[in-house]
Amino acid sequence: MDRHRRVDSCISILKEMWGNKTNELGSGQQELYSDCIRQLKKLAKQPRITNEELYRVVSEVAEKVFKIIG
């Protein structure tokens, strides 16, 4: 349950960043945001997940967010 709360808060933070009107995001950046949210939602739905899989998903999401804001 704790993992679900953490994933949900990450999703809401990403949605806030995406919905911020001061951000002028290109279509590529918007696609990266939606990919991040999609990956996190998929992660939240998985009943059992290994630490390696969790690390992989979080790492991919972090890289995409870095590309967006970097």
Foldseek 3Di string as FASTA:
>chain_A
DVLLVVLVVVLVVLVCVVPDPVDDDDPVLVVLSVVLNVLSVVVSPDPDDDPVRVVVSVVSNVVSVVVNVD
